PDB file of N, CA and C in Angstrom:
ATOM      1  N   MET A   1    -174.766  16.247 169.951  1.00  0.00           N
ATOM      2  CA  MET A   1    -174.522  15.940 168.567  1.00  0.00           C
ATOM      3  C   MET A   1    -174.354  14.440 168.417  1.00  0.00           C
ATOM      4  N   SER A   2    -174.614  13.962 167.227  1.00  0.00           N
ATOM      5  CA  SER A   2    -174.620  12.533 166.967  1.00  0.00           C
ATOM      6  C   SER A   2    -173.434  12.139 166.103  1.00  0.00           C
ATOM      7  N   ASP A   3    -172.995  10.899 166.211  1.00  0.00           N
ATOM      8  CA  ASP A   3    -171.925  10.385 165.373  1.00  0.00           C
ATOM      9  C   ASP A   3    -172.509   9.556 164.246  1.00  0.00           C
ATOM     10  N   VAL A   4    -172.038   9.781 163.018  1.00  0.00           N
ATOM     11  CA  VAL A   4    -172.429   8.963 161.874  1.00  0.00           C
ATOM     12  C   VAL A   4    -171.262   8.900 160.900  1.00  0.00           C
ATOM     13  N   ASN A   5    -171.318   7.955 159.998  1.00  0.00           N
ATOM     14  CA  ASN A   5    -170.373   7.916 158.886  1.00  0.00           C
ATOM     15  C   ASN A   5    -171.054   8.542 157.691  1.00  0.00           C
ATOM     16  N   ASN A   6    -170.314   9.217 156.873  1.00  0.00           N
ATOM     17  CA  ASN A   6    -170.881   9.885 155.705  1.00  0.00           C
ATOM     18  C   ASN A   6    -170.860   8.952 154.508  1.00  0.00           C
ATOM     19  N   ASN A   7    -171.594   7.839 154.595  1.00  0.00           N
ATOM     20  CA  ASN A   7    -171.621   6.901 153.486  1.00  0.00           C
ATOM     21  C   ASN A   7    -173.028   6.713 152.940  1.00  0.00           C
ATOM     22  N   ASN A   8    -173.899   7.670 153.219  1.00  0.00           N
ATOM     23  CA  ASN A   8    -175.272   7.542 152.742  1.00  0.00           C
ATOM     24  C   ASN A   8    -175.419   8.199 151.373  1.00  0.00           C
ATOM     25  N   ASN A   9    -176.250   7.610 150.549  1.00  0.00           N
ATOM     26  CA  ASN A   9    -176.526   8.165 149.221  1.00  0.00           C
ATOM     27  C   ASN A   9    -177.908   8.790 149.249  1.00  0.00           C
ATOM     28  N   ASN A  10    -177.950  10.100 149.318  1.00  0.00           N
ATOM     29  CA  ASN A  10    -179.232  10.782 149.355  1.00  0.00           C
ATOM     30  C   ASN A  10    -179.204  11.979 148.430  1.00  0.00           C
ATOM     31  N   GLU A  11    -180.272  12.724 148.405  1.00  0.00           N
ATOM     32  CA  GLU A  11    -180.375  13.844 147.492  1.00  0.00           C
ATOM     33  C   GLU A  11    -179.412  14.977 147.812  1.00  0.00           C
ATOM     34  N   TYR A  12    -178.782  14.969 148.968  1.00  0.00           N
ATOM     35  CA  TYR A  12    -177.856  16.024 149.371  1.00  0.00           C
ATOM     36  C   TYR A  12    -176.407  15.583 149.231  1.00  0.00           C
ATOM     37  N   GLU A  13    -176.169  14.485 148.514  1.00  0.00           N
ATOM     38  CA  GLU A  13    -174.848  13.866 148.471  1.00  0.00           C
ATOM     39  C   GLU A  13    -173.731  14.852 148.126  1.00  0.00           C
ATOM     40  N   ASP A  14    -173.956  15.757 147.179  1.00  0.00           N
ATOM     41  CA  ASP A  14    -172.914  16.691 146.769  1.00  0.00           C
ATOM     42  C   ASP A  14    -173.082  18.085 147.366  1.00  0.00           C
ATOM     43  N   ALA A  15    -174.066  18.281 148.216  1.00  0.00           N
ATOM     44  CA  ALA A  15    -174.327  19.601 148.797  1.00  0.00           C
ATOM     45  C   ALA A  15    -173.365  19.871 149.947  1.00  0.00           C
ATOM     46  N   THR A  16    -172.870  21.093 149.997  1.00  0.00           N
ATOM     47  CA  THR A  16    -172.000  21.503 151.096  1.00  0.00           C
ATOM     48  C   THR A  16    -172.442  22.871 151.613  1.00  0.00           C
ATOM     49  N   VAL A  17    -172.025  23.162 152.837  1.00  0.00           N
ATOM     50  CA  VAL A  17    -172.294  24.454 153.470  1.00  0.00           C
ATOM     51  C   VAL A  17    -170.966  24.965 154.020  1.00  0.00           C
ATOM     52  N   SER A  18    -170.634  26.210 153.710  1.00  0.00           N
ATOM     53  CA  SER A  18    -169.458  26.855 154.286  1.00  0.00           C
ATOM     54  C   SER A  18    -169.921  27.656 155.490  1.00  0.00           C
ATOM     55  N   MET A  19    -169.179  27.541 156.586  1.00  0.00           N
ATOM     56  CA  MET A  19    -169.579  28.259 157.789  1.00  0.00           C
ATOM     57  C   MET A  19    -168.362  28.667 158.606  1.00  0.00           C
ATOM     58  N   THR A  20    -168.539  29.681 159.429  1.00  0.00           N
ATOM     59  CA  THR A  20    -167.504  30.140 160.347  1.00  0.00           C
ATOM     60  C   THR A  20    -168.052  30.017 161.762  1.00  0.00           C
ATOM     61  N   LEU A  21    -167.334  29.288 162.612  1.00  0.00           N
ATOM     62  CA  LEU A  21    -167.748  29.121 164.008  1.00  0.00           C
ATOM     63  C   LEU A  21    -167.450  30.384 164.801  1.00  0.00           C
ATOM     64  N   ASP A  22    -168.001  30.457 166.006  1.00  0.00           N
ATOM     65  CA  ASP A  22    -167.818  31.634 166.858  1.00  0.00           C
ATOM     66  C   ASP A  22    -166.351  31.940 167.126  1.00  0.00           C
ATOM     67  N   ASP A  23    -165.499  30.895 167.157  1.00  0.00           N
ATOM     68  CA  ASP A  23    -164.074  31.105 167.432  1.00  0.00           C
ATOM     69  C   ASP A  23    -163.278  31.456 166.173  1.00  0.00           C
ATOM     70  N   GLY A  24    -163.968  31.625 165.036  1.00  0.00           N
ATOM     71  CA  GLY A  24    -163.305  31.992 163.794  1.00  0.00           C
ATOM     72  C   GLY A  24    -162.896  30.820 162.919  1.00  0.00           C
ATOM     73  N   THR A  25    -163.096  29.598 163.399  1.00  0.00           N
ATOM     74  CA  THR A  25    -162.767  28.412 162.611  1.00  0.00           C
ATOM     75  C   THR A  25    -163.675  28.343 161.396  1.00  0.00           C
ATOM     76  N   GLU A  26    -163.069  28.202 160.220  1.00  0.00           N
ATOM     77  CA  GLU A  26    -163.849  28.075 158.994  1.00  0.00           C
ATOM     78  C   GLU A  26    -163.978  26.602 158.636  1.00  0.00           C
ATOM     79  N   LEU A  27    -165.186  26.203 158.278  1.00  0.00           N
ATOM     80  CA  LEU A  27    -165.483  24.812 157.964  1.00  0.00           C
ATOM     81  C   LEU A  27    -166.228  24.693 156.657  1.00  0.00           C
ATOM     82  N   GLU A  28    -165.985  23.614 155.987  1.00  0.00           N
ATOM     83  CA  GLU A  28    -166.809  23.195 154.860  1.00  0.00           C
ATOM     84  C   GLU A  28    -167.503  21.936 155.365  1.00  0.00           C
ATOM     85  N   CYS A  29    -168.815  21.901 155.293  1.00  0.00           N
ATOM     86  CA  CYS A  29    -169.573  20.767 155.825  1.00  0.00           C
ATOM     87  C   CYS A  29    -170.401  20.118 154.727  1.00  0.00           C
ATOM     88  N   ASP A  30    -170.415  18.791 154.734  1.00  0.00           N
ATOM     89  CA  ASP A  30    -171.309  18.058 153.846  1.00  0.00           C
ATOM     90  C   ASP A  30    -172.707  18.066 154.445  1.00  0.00           C
ATOM     91  N   VAL A  31    -173.705  18.269 153.610  1.00  0.00           N
ATOM     92  CA  VAL A  31    -175.094  18.197 154.062  1.00  0.00           C
ATOM     93  C   VAL A  31    -175.500  16.731 154.068  1.00  0.00           C
ATOM     94  N   ILE A  32    -175.864  16.238 155.228  1.00  0.00           N
ATOM     95  CA  ILE A  32    -176.299  14.845 155.357  1.00  0.00           C
ATOM     96  C   ILE A  32    -177.799  14.748 155.127  1.00  0.00           C
ATOM     97  N   ALA A  33    -178.545  15.685 155.722  1.00  0.00           N
ATOM     98  CA  ALA A  33    -180.000  15.650 155.590  1.00  0.00           C
ATOM     99  C   ALA A  33    -180.594  16.994 155.966  1.00  0.00           C
ATOM    100  N   ILE A  34    -181.723  17.282 155.367  1.00  0.00           N
ATOM    101  CA  ILE A  34    -182.585  18.389 155.784  1.00  0.00           C
ATOM    102  C   ILE A  34    -183.925  17.748 156.087  1.00  0.00           C
ATOM    103  N   PHE A  35    -184.433  17.985 157.276  1.00  0.00           N
ATOM    104  CA  PHE A  35    -185.639  17.291 157.724  1.00  0.00           C
ATOM    105  C   PHE A  35    -186.467  18.200 158.618  1.00  0.00           C
ATOM    106  N   GLU A  36    -187.717  17.816 158.800  1.00  0.00           N
ATOM    107  CA  GLU A  36    -188.661  18.628 159.569  1.00  0.00           C
ATOM    108  C   GLU A  36    -188.979  17.954 160.898  1.00  0.00           C
ATOM    109  N   VAL A  37    -189.079  18.777 161.934  1.00  0.00           N
ATOM    110  CA  VAL A  37    -189.527  18.331 163.255  1.00  0.00           C
ATOM    111  C   VAL A  37    -190.485  19.389 163.779  1.00  0.00           C
ATOM    112  N   ASP A  38    -191.696  18.990 164.091  1.00  0.00           N
ATOM    113  CA  ASP A  38    -192.700  19.901 164.647  1.00  0.00           C
ATOM    114  C   ASP A  38    -192.854  21.183 163.825  1.00  0.00           C
ATOM    115  N   GLY A  39    -192.882  21.041 162.507  1.00  0.00           N
ATOM    116  CA  GLY A  39    -193.130  22.170 161.632  1.00  0.00           C
ATOM    117  C   GLY A  39    -191.942  23.068 161.347  1.00  0.00           C
ATOM    118  N   ARG A  40    -190.766  22.730 161.872  1.00  0.00           N
ATOM    119  CA  ARG A  40    -189.553  23.516 161.621  1.00  0.00           C
ATOM    120  C   ARG A  40    -188.567  22.668 160.832  1.00  0.00           C
ATOM    121  N   ASP A  41    -187.757  23.329 160.001  1.00  0.00           N
ATOM    122  CA  ASP A  41    -186.735  22.626 159.231  1.00  0.00           C
ATOM    123  C   ASP A  41    -185.410  22.631 159.981  1.00  0.00           C
ATOM    124  N   TYR A  42    -184.709  21.494 159.877  1.00  0.00           N
ATOM    125  CA  TYR A  42    -183.400  21.323 160.503  1.00  0.00           C
ATOM    126  C   TYR A  42    -182.447  20.729 159.486  1.00  0.00           C
ATOM    127  N   ILE A  43    -181.155  20.914 159.740  1.00  0.00           N
ATOM    128  CA  ILE A  43    -180.136  20.402 158.838  1.00  0.00           C
ATOM    129  C   ILE A  43    -179.079  19.663 159.659  1.00  0.00           C
ATOM    130  N   ALA A  44    -178.592  18.562 159.111  1.00  0.00           N
ATOM    131  CA  ALA A  44    -177.512  17.791 159.711  1.00  0.00           C
ATOM    132  C   ALA A  44    -176.278  17.974 158.840  1.00  0.00           C
ATOM    133  N   LEU A  45    -175.178  18.437 159.439  1.00  0.00           N
ATOM    134  CA  LEU A  45    -173.953  18.745 158.714  1.00  0.00           C
ATOM    135  C   LEU A  45    -172.781  17.946 159.265  1.00  0.00           C
ATOM    136  N   LEU A  46    -171.919  17.473 158.366  1.00  0.00           N
ATOM    137  CA  LEU A  46    -170.710  16.753 158.756  1.00  0.00           C
ATOM    138  C   LEU A  46    -169.504  17.605 158.351  1.00  0.00           C
ATOM    139  N   PRO A  47    -168.742  18.152 159.329  1.00  0.00           N
ATOM    140  CA  PRO A  47    -167.589  19.006 159.014  1.00  0.00           C
ATOM    141  C   PRO A  47    -166.503  18.245 158.259  1.00  0.00           C
ATOM    142  N   ASP A  48    -165.712  18.998 157.486  1.00  0.00           N
ATOM    143  CA  ASP A  48    -164.640  18.399 156.690  1.00  0.00           C
ATOM    144  C   ASP A  48    -163.379  18.133 157.502  1.00  0.00           C
ATOM    145  N   LYS A  49    -163.341  18.591 158.745  1.00  0.00           N
ATOM    146  CA  LYS A  49    -162.173  18.350 159.587  1.00  0.00           C
ATOM    147  C   LYS A  49    -162.609  18.232 161.042  1.00  0.00           C
ATOM    148  N   VAL A  50    -161.753  17.647 161.853  1.00  0.00           N
ATOM    149  CA  VAL A  50    -162.030  17.494 163.279  1.00  0.00           C
ATOM    150  C   VAL A  50    -161.743  18.822 163.966  1.00  0.00           C
ATOM    151  N   ILE A  51    -162.646  19.221 164.825  1.00  0.00           N
ATOM    152  CA  ILE A  51    -162.544  20.483 165.543  1.00  0.00           C
ATOM    153  C   ILE A  51    -162.235  20.171 167.004  1.00  0.00           C
ATOM    154  N   ASP A  52    -161.356  20.970 167.609  1.00  0.00           N
ATOM    155  CA  ASP A  52    -161.035  20.772 169.023  1.00  0.00           C
ATOM    156  C   ASP A  52    -162.307  20.715 169.849  1.00  0.00           C
ATOM    157  N   GLY A  53    -162.402  19.719 170.701  1.00  0.00           N
ATOM    158  CA  GLY A  53    -163.559  19.555 171.573  1.00  0.00           C
ATOM    159  C   GLY A  53    -164.655  18.688 170.984  1.00  0.00           C
ATOM    160  N   TYR A  54    -164.493  18.242 169.740  1.00  0.00           N
ATOM    161  CA  TYR A  54    -165.479  17.394 169.073  1.00  0.00           C
ATOM    162  C   TYR A  54    -164.801  16.124 168.583  1.00  0.00           C
ATOM    163  N   GLU A  55    -165.599  15.096 168.387  1.00  0.00           N
ATOM    164  CA  GLU A  55    -165.081  13.822 167.902  1.00  0.00           C
ATOM    165  C   GLU A  55    -165.140  13.766 166.381  1.00  0.00           C
ATOM    166  N   GLU A  56    -164.318  12.881 165.809  1.00  0.00           N
ATOM    167  CA  GLU A  56    -164.356  12.670 164.368  1.00  0.00           C
ATOM    168  C   GLU A  56    -165.740  12.158 163.981  1.00  0.00           C
ATOM    169  N   ASN A  57    -166.250  12.605 162.850  1.00  0.00           N
ATOM    170  CA  ASN A  57    -167.569  12.234 162.326  1.00  0.00           C
ATOM    171  C   ASN A  57    -168.722  12.701 163.208  1.00  0.00           C
ATOM    172  N   GLU A  58    -168.501  13.732 164.018  1.00  0.00           N
ATOM    173  CA  GLU A  58    -169.576  14.283 164.835  1.00  0.00           C
ATOM    174  C   GLU A  58    -170.426  15.214 163.972  1.00  0.00           C
ATOM    175  N   VAL A  59    -171.715  14.997 163.997  1.00  0.00           N
ATOM    176  CA  VAL A  59    -172.648  15.736 163.155  1.00  0.00           C
ATOM    177  C   VAL A  59    -173.157  16.964 163.900  1.00  0.00           C
ATOM    178  N   PHE A  60    -173.248  18.085 163.186  1.00  0.00           N
ATOM    179  CA  PHE A  60    -173.804  19.314 163.731  1.00  0.00           C
ATOM    180  C   PHE A  60    -175.255  19.417 163.296  1.00  0.00           C
ATOM    181  N   LEU A  61    -176.132  19.720 164.241  1.00  0.00           N
ATOM    182  CA  LEU A  61    -177.556  19.912 163.962  1.00  0.00           C
ATOM    183  C   LEU A  61    -177.914  21.378 164.190  1.00  0.00           C
ATOM    184  N   TYR A  62    -178.602  21.967 163.212  1.00  0.00           N
ATOM    185  CA  TYR A  62    -179.003  23.368 163.282  1.00  0.00           C
ATOM    186  C   TYR A  62    -180.434  23.530 162.805  1.00  0.00           C
ATOM    187  N   ARG A  63    -181.096  24.612 163.265  1.00  0.00           N
ATOM    188  CA  ARG A  63    -182.320  25.048 162.615  1.00  0.00           C
ATOM    189  C   ARG A  63    -181.910  25.560 161.251  1.00  0.00           C
ATOM    190  N   TYR A  64    -182.767  25.347 160.266  1.00  0.00           N
ATOM    191  CA  TYR A  64    -182.415  25.647 158.883  1.00  0.00           C
ATOM    192  C   TYR A  64    -183.520  26.458 158.231  1.00  0.00           C
ATOM    193  N   GLU A  65    -183.127  27.491 157.487  1.00  0.00           N
ATOM    194  CA  GLU A  65    -184.095  28.295 156.745  1.00  0.00           C
ATOM    195  C   GLU A  65    -183.464  28.714 155.420  1.00  0.00           C
ATOM    196  N   GLU A  66    -184.188  28.492 154.324  1.00  0.00           N
ATOM    197  CA  GLU A  66    -183.724  28.947 153.014  1.00  0.00           C
ATOM    198  C   GLU A  66    -184.101  30.404 152.851  1.00  0.00           C
ATOM    199  N   LEU A  67    -183.136  31.194 152.405  1.00  0.00           N
ATOM    200  CA  LEU A  67    -183.355  32.603 152.139  1.00  0.00           C
ATOM    201  C   LEU A  67    -183.390  32.803 150.628  1.00  0.00           C
ATOM    202  N   GLU A  68    -183.417  34.047 150.183  1.00  0.00           N
ATOM    203  CA  GLU A  68    -183.437  34.322 148.745  1.00  0.00           C
ATOM    204  C   GLU A  68    -182.165  33.813 148.086  1.00  0.00           C
ATOM    205  N   GLY A  69    -182.282  33.403 146.837  1.00  0.00           N
ATOM    206  CA  GLY A  69    -181.126  32.886 146.113  1.00  0.00           C
ATOM    207  C   GLY A  69    -180.692  31.556 146.708  1.00  0.00           C
ATOM    208  N   GLU A  70    -179.389  31.400 146.848  1.00  0.00           N
ATOM    209  CA  GLU A  70    -178.858  30.157 147.423  1.00  0.00           C
ATOM    210  C   GLU A  70    -178.472  30.337 148.882  1.00  0.00           C
ATOM    211  N   ASP A  71    -178.773  31.495 149.473  1.00  0.00           N
ATOM    212  CA  ASP A  71    -178.415  31.762 150.861  1.00  0.00           C
ATOM    213  C   ASP A  71    -179.296  30.970 151.811  1.00  0.00           C
ATOM    214  N   ILE A  72    -178.696  30.583 152.935  1.00  0.00           N
ATOM    215  CA  ILE A  72    -179.435  29.891 153.987  1.00  0.00           C
ATOM    216  C   ILE A  72    -179.119  30.540 155.321  1.00  0.00           C
ATOM    217  N   ASN A  73    -179.978  30.321 156.281  1.00  0.00           N
ATOM    218  CA  ASN A  73    -179.768  30.785 157.642  1.00  0.00           C
ATOM    219  C   ASN A  73    -179.694  29.561 158.547  1.00  0.00           C
ATOM    220  N   LEU A  74    -178.624  29.458 159.323  1.00  0.00           N
ATOM    221  CA  LEU A  74    -178.475  28.395 160.309  1.00  0.00           C
ATOM    222  C   LEU A  74    -178.536  29.006 161.694  1.00  0.00           C
ATOM    223  N   GLU A  75    -179.355  28.414 162.563  1.00  0.00           N
ATOM    224  CA  GLU A  75    -179.452  28.889 163.936  1.00  0.00           C
ATOM    225  C   GLU A  75    -179.129  27.740 164.873  1.00  0.00           C
ATOM    226  N   PRO A  76    -178.313  27.999 165.893  1.00  0.00           N
ATOM    227  CA  PRO A  76    -178.031  26.935 166.866  1.00  0.00           C
ATOM    228  C   PRO A  76    -179.296  26.541 167.627  1.00  0.00           C
ATOM    229  N   ILE A  77    -179.328  25.308 168.081  1.00  0.00           N
ATOM    230  CA  ILE A  77    -180.464  24.812 168.874  1.00  0.00           C
ATOM    231  C   ILE A  77    -180.035  24.888 170.333  1.00  0.00           C
ATOM    232  N   ASP A  78    -180.512  25.898 171.031  1.00  0.00           N
ATOM    233  CA  ASP A  78    -180.106  26.143 172.411  1.00  0.00           C
ATOM    234  C   ASP A  78    -180.972  25.421 173.440  1.00  0.00           C
ATOM    235  N   ASN A  79    -182.196  25.107 173.078  1.00  0.00           N
ATOM    236  CA  ASN A  79    -183.121  24.465 173.996  1.00  0.00           C
ATOM    237  C   ASN A  79    -182.850  22.956 174.028  1.00  0.00           C
ATOM    238  N   GLU A  80    -182.608  22.419 175.208  1.00  0.00           N
ATOM    239  CA  GLU A  80    -182.251  21.005 175.358  1.00  0.00           C
ATOM    240  C   GLU A  80    -183.362  20.074 174.876  1.00  0.00           C
ATOM    241  N   ASP A  81    -184.615  20.387 175.175  1.00  0.00           N
ATOM    242  CA  ASP A  81    -185.733  19.541 174.736  1.00  0.00           C
ATOM    243  C   ASP A  81    -185.860  19.549 173.213  1.00  0.00           C
ATOM    244  N   GLU A  82    -185.709  20.736 172.614  1.00  0.00           N
ATOM    245  CA  GLU A  82    -185.761  20.835 171.156  1.00  0.00           C
ATOM    246  C   GLU A  82    -184.620  20.034 170.537  1.00  0.00           C
ATOM    247  N   TYR A  83    -183.413  20.176 171.108  1.00  0.00           N
ATOM    248  CA  TYR A  83    -182.256  19.457 170.576  1.00  0.00           C
ATOM    249  C   TYR A  83    -182.478  17.942 170.641  1.00  0.00           C
ATOM    250  N   GLU A  84    -182.991  17.468 171.759  1.00  0.00           N
ATOM    251  CA  GLU A  84    -183.253  16.024 171.907  1.00  0.00           C
ATOM    252  C   GLU A  84    -184.259  15.544 170.869  1.00  0.00           C
ATOM    253  N   ALA A  85    -185.310  16.319 170.631  1.00  0.00           N
ATOM    254  CA  ALA A  85    -186.320  15.941 169.631  1.00  0.00           C
ATOM    255  C   ALA A  85    -185.702  15.886 168.237  1.00  0.00           C
ATOM    256  N   VAL A  86    -184.838  16.857 167.923  1.00  0.00           N
ATOM    257  CA  VAL A  86    -184.183  16.902 166.609  1.00  0.00           C
ATOM    258  C   VAL A  86    -183.189  15.749 166.479  1.00  0.00           C
ATOM    259  N   ALA A  87    -182.400  15.502 167.513  1.00  0.00           N
ATOM    260  CA  ALA A  87    -181.433  14.395 167.479  1.00  0.00           C
ATOM    261  C   ALA A  87    -182.150  13.054 167.337  1.00  0.00           C
ATOM    262  N   ASP A  88    -183.268  12.875 168.037  1.00  0.00           N
ATOM    263  CA  ASP A  88    -184.042  11.632 167.916  1.00  0.00           C
ATOM    264  C   ASP A  88    -184.592  11.469 166.500  1.00  0.00           C
ATOM    265  N   ALA A  89    -185.098  12.556 165.922  1.00  0.00           N
ATOM    266  CA  ALA A  89    -185.629  12.499 164.557  1.00  0.00           C
ATOM    267  C   ALA A  89    -184.514  12.171 163.567  1.00  0.00           C
ATOM    268  N   PHE A  90    -183.334  12.740 163.777  1.00  0.00           N
ATOM    269  CA  PHE A  90    -182.200  12.455 162.901  1.00  0.00           C
ATOM    270  C   PHE A  90    -181.776  10.987 163.025  1.00  0.00           C
ATOM    271  N   ASP A  91    -181.731  10.478 164.245  1.00  0.00           N
ATOM    272  CA  ASP A  91    -181.401   9.059 164.454  1.00  0.00           C
ATOM    273  C   ASP A  91    -182.413   8.153 163.758  1.00  0.00           C
ATOM    274  N   GLU A  92    -183.696   8.495 163.844  1.00  0.00           N
ATOM    275  CA  GLU A  92    -184.731   7.711 163.162  1.00  0.00           C
ATOM    276  C   GLU A  92    -184.541   7.765 161.647  1.00  0.00           C
ATOM    277  N   LEU A  93    -184.171   8.928 161.130  1.00  0.00           N
ATOM    278  CA  LEU A  93    -183.900   9.084 159.705  1.00  0.00           C
ATOM    279  C   LEU A  93    -182.746   8.179 159.272  1.00  0.00           C
ATOM    280  N   LEU A  94    -181.693   8.124 160.082  1.00  0.00           N
ATOM    281  CA  LEU A  94    -180.554   7.251 159.776  1.00  0.00           C
ATOM    282  C   LEU A  94    -180.954   5.784 159.831  1.00  0.00           C
ATOM    283  N   ASP A  95    -181.741   5.415 160.856  1.00  0.00           N
ATOM    284  CA  ASP A  95    -182.195   4.032 160.973  1.00  0.00           C
ATOM    285  C   ASP A  95    -183.037   3.637 159.763  1.00  0.00           C
ATOM    286  N   GLU A  96    -183.915   4.527 159.333  1.00  0.00           N
ATOM    287  CA  GLU A  96    -184.772   4.265 158.172  1.00  0.00           C
ATOM    288  C   GLU A  96    -183.927   4.110 156.908  1.00  0.00           C
ATOM    289  N   GLU A  97    -182.917   4.953 156.773  1.00  0.00           N
ATOM    290  CA  GLU A  97    -182.045   4.885 155.599  1.00  0.00           C
ATOM    291  C   GLU A  97    -181.263   3.568 155.574  1.00  0.00           C
ATOM    292  N   GLU A  98    -180.749   3.155 156.741  1.00  0.00           N
ATOM    293  CA  GLU A  98    -180.045   1.873 156.811  1.00  0.00           C
ATOM    294  C   GLU A  98    -180.973   0.726 156.434  1.00  0.00           C
ATOM    295  N   PHE A  99    -182.208   0.770 156.922  1.00  0.00           N
ATOM    296  CA  PHE A  99    -183.182  -0.269 156.597  1.00  0.00           C
ATOM    297  C   PHE A  99    -183.434  -0.303 155.092  1.00  0.00           C
ATOM    298  N   ASN A 100    -183.594   0.878 154.486  1.00  0.00           N
ATOM    299  CA  ASN A 100    -183.837   0.948 153.040  1.00  0.00           C
ATOM    300  C   ASN A 100    -182.666   0.397 152.246  1.00  0.00           C
ATOM    301  N   GLU A 101    -181.418   0.664 152.714  1.00  0.00           N
ATOM    302  CA  GLU A 101    -180.243   0.133 152.032  1.00  0.00           C
ATOM    303  C   GLU A 101    -180.208  -1.386 152.129  1.00  0.00           C
ATOM    304  N   ILE A 102    -180.558  -1.938 153.271  1.00  0.00           N
ATOM    305  CA  ILE A 102    -180.583  -3.393 153.456  1.00  0.00           C
ATOM    306  C   ILE A 102    -181.676  -3.990 152.577  1.00  0.00           C
ATOM    307  N   ASP A 103    -182.828  -3.340 152.543  1.00  0.00           N
ATOM    308  CA  ASP A 103    -183.963  -3.813 151.759  1.00  0.00           C
ATOM    309  C   ASP A 103    -183.643  -3.816 150.268  1.00  0.00           C
ATOM    310  N   GLU A 104    -182.851  -2.837 149.799  1.00  0.00           N
ATOM    311  CA  GLU A 104    -182.472  -2.758 148.387  1.00  0.00           C
ATOM    312  C   GLU A 104    -181.494  -3.865 147.995  1.00  0.00           C
ATOM    313  N   ASP A 105    -180.708  -4.329 148.946  1.00  0.00           N
ATOM    314  CA  ASP A 105    -179.731  -5.394 148.659  1.00  0.00           C
ATOM    315  C   ASP A 105    -180.473  -6.684 148.515  1.00  0.00           C
TER     316      ASP A 105
END
């Protein structure tokens, strides 16, 4: 997982996802980005609180699928190569966003 600050202004600024972890911990997460890698959609989420075993501002990356209505399906990324490709794409997205913010100033 990657570390970021949640100070980006994007189309998902007010979007949140409620989720329950395997250990029963309930989280409200801000949606940082939804992006595509190799034809699949992924989502980057920033939890509203620090979870044991994770660092503050640690971003969760999941496979993402929109279902009927407002429902979504999140799947963990278990494959290390897939995770690395998604994390690299997310880092590039952040770098591009920072560049755009600098360019706008």
